[in-house]
Amino acid sequence: MPTIEQQFIEYTVKSLVGHPDDVVCDRIVDEKGVLLTLTVNPEDLGRVIGKRGVTAQSLRTLLRALGTKNDARYNLKIVNTDEPQGERENVATPSDEQTSEPVNNPTDEAVENESDYAKNTREELAELDDLDI
């Protein structure tokens, strides 16, 4: 049976999204408090987060108020189920080793349909590179 905080989050989020049947709120208790993990349909993720995260922050503020009443600390984690776990392998992290392979820099190649402004800017920068300062 869902707890009051799970029911609260599910009820609130279900009223926001287009796929209310896909809303799931899991609860985990640890030393930092109660972690609520919210999973929604990938199409509704933007609605739950909101512009600049305003909706998600509002949900967290309401949870904090509920936690004050219940003498508990609630944290809300919104899970992105749209990104498969395998795609994270391509993201570079600071702990990744640097390779000695050359990097293909797209700015070294000529760009087709380049505007006159961009051409003039490139020429001016090339002239500045030739100056001995």
Protein backbone atom coordinates (compact mmCIF):
# COMPACT_ATOMS: atom_id res chain seq x y z
CA MET A 1 0.00 0.00 0.00
CA PRO A 2 1.47 3.38 -1.02
CA THR A 3 2.38 5.82 1.73
CA ILE A 4 0.89 9.30 2.00
CA GLU A 5 3.87 10.93 0.26
CA GLN A 6 3.70 8.45 -2.63
CA GLN A 7 -0.03 9.02 -3.00
CA PHE A 8 0.54 12.79 -2.92
CA ILE A 9 3.21 12.75 -5.65
CA GLU A 10 1.31 10.28 -7.84
CA TYR A 11 -1.94 12.26 -7.56
CA THR A 12 -0.22 15.57 -8.35
CA VAL A 13 1.83 14.24 -11.27
CA LYS A 14 -1.06 12.26 -12.76
CA SER A 15 -3.02 15.49 -13.04
CA LEU A 16 -0.16 17.05 -15.05
CA VAL A 17 0.75 14.35 -17.55
CA GLY A 18 -0.83 12.95 -20.69
CA HIS A 19 -0.22 9.30 -19.72
CA PRO A 20 -1.34 9.06 -16.07
CA ASP A 21 -1.29 5.24 -16.10
CA ASP A 22 2.52 5.30 -16.58
CA VAL A 23 3.19 7.30 -13.40
CA VAL A 24 4.99 5.20 -10.77
CA CYS A 25 6.44 6.44 -7.48
CA ASP A 26 8.82 4.12 -5.59
CA ARG A 27 9.95 4.72 -2.02
CA ILE A 28 13.33 3.88 -0.48
CA VAL A 29 14.34 4.72 3.09
CA ASP A 30 18.03 5.26 3.89
CA GLU A 31 20.18 7.24 6.32
CA LYS A 32 19.55 10.51 4.42
CA GLY A 33 15.77 10.20 4.64
CA VAL A 34 13.11 8.99 2.23
CA LEU A 35 13.95 8.86 -1.48
CA LEU A 36 10.95 8.95 -3.80
CA THR A 37 11.78 7.83 -7.33
CA LEU A 38 9.30 9.10 -9.91
CA THR A 39 8.98 7.35 -13.26
CA VAL A 40 6.77 8.77 -16.02
CA ASN A 41 6.22 8.20 -19.72
CA PRO A 42 9.15 9.71 -21.69
CA GLU A 43 6.69 11.99 -23.54
CA ASP A 44 5.60 13.50 -20.21
CA LEU A 45 9.07 14.07 -18.79
CA GLY A 46 9.15 17.70 -19.93
CA ARG A 47 5.81 18.43 -18.30
CA VAL A 48 6.96 16.99 -14.98
CA ILE A 49 10.26 18.87 -15.01
CA GLY A 50 8.84 22.11 -16.44
CA LYS A 51 10.67 25.07 -17.91
CA ARG A 52 14.03 25.47 -16.17
CA GLY A 53 12.96 22.78 -13.70
CA VAL A 54 10.29 24.94 -12.09
CA THR A 55 7.64 22.21 -11.85
CA ALA A 56 10.08 19.67 -10.40
CA GLN A 57 11.31 22.24 -7.90
CA SER A 58 7.72 23.00 -6.89
CA LEU A 59 7.07 19.29 -6.28
CA ARG A 60 10.18 19.14 -4.10
CA THR A 61 9.06 22.22 -2.15
CA LEU A 62 5.65 20.67 -1.48
CA LEU A 63 7.37 17.45 -0.38
CA ARG A 64 9.57 19.46 1.99
CA ALA A 65 6.42 20.98 3.51
CA LEU A 66 4.91 17.52 3.90
CA GLY A 67 8.17 16.35 5.49
CA THR A 68 8.03 19.20 8.00
CA LYS A 69 4.58 18.07 9.05
CA ASN A 70 5.62 14.40 9.30
CA ASP A 71 9.11 15.01 10.78
CA ALA A 72 10.77 13.36 7.79
CA ARG A 73 13.17 14.39 5.02
CA TYR A 74 11.93 13.63 1.51
CA ASN A 75 13.99 13.69 -1.67
CA LEU A 76 12.47 13.39 -5.15
CA LYS A 77 14.35 11.81 -8.04
CA ILE A 78 12.79 11.97 -11.50
CA VAL A 79 13.99 9.07 -13.65
CA ASN A 80 14.52 9.38 -17.40
CA THR A 81 13.51 5.99 -18.80
CA ASP A 82 13.93 7.18 -22.39
CA GLU A 83 17.75 6.87 -22.31
CA PRO A 84 18.95 3.26 -22.44
CA GLN A 85 21.81 2.40 -20.09
CA GLY A 86 24.13 1.55 -23.01
CA GLU A 87 24.08 5.11 -24.39
CA ARG A 88 25.90 6.43 -21.31
CA GLU A 89 29.09 4.69 -22.50
CA ASN A 90 29.70 7.38 -25.13
CA VAL A 91 29.69 10.22 -22.61
CA ALA A 92 33.19 11.30 -21.60
CA THR A 93 33.90 11.58 -17.91
CA PRO A 94 36.93 13.12 -16.20
CA SER A 95 38.13 9.67 -15.17
CA ASP A 96 38.33 8.48 -18.80
CA GLU A 97 41.86 8.00 -20.09
CA GLN A 98 43.00 10.38 -22.80
CA THR A 99 43.89 8.71 -26.10
CA SER A 100 46.57 9.86 -28.50
CA GLU A 101 44.27 9.61 -31.51
CA PRO A 102 43.90 12.82 -33.52
CA VAL A 103 40.62 14.65 -33.10
CA ASN A 104 38.79 15.72 -36.24
CA ASN A 105 38.08 19.39 -35.67
CA PRO A 106 35.07 20.48 -37.76
CA THR A 107 36.33 24.09 -37.90
CA ASP A 108 39.38 22.99 -39.93
CA GLU A 109 37.16 21.94 -42.82
CA ALA A 110 35.65 24.35 -45.30
CA VAL A 111 32.01 25.09 -44.67
CA GLU A 112 29.68 25.18 -47.65
CA ASN A 113 27.17 28.03 -47.99
CA GLU A 114 29.11 30.17 -45.55
CA SER A 115 27.76 33.69 -45.15
CA ASP A 116 29.77 36.76 -46.14
CA TYR A 117 29.93 37.84 -42.51
CA ALA A 118 31.52 34.56 -41.49
CA LYS A 119 34.01 34.73 -44.39
CA ASN A 120 35.02 38.27 -43.45
CA THR A 121 35.41 37.29 -39.81
CA ARG A 122 37.63 34.34 -40.73
CA GLU A 123 39.79 36.58 -42.94
CA GLU A 124 40.15 39.16 -40.15
CA LEU A 125 41.13 36.47 -37.66
CA ALA A 126 43.68 35.08 -40.12
CA GLU A 127 45.22 38.55 -40.46
CA LEU A 128 45.43 38.86 -36.67
CA ASP A 129 47.23 35.52 -36.50
CA ASP A 130 49.90 36.86 -38.87
CA LEU A 131 50.69 39.84 -36.62
CA ASP A 132 53.81 39.63 -34.46
CA ILE A 133 52.75 40.89 -31.08
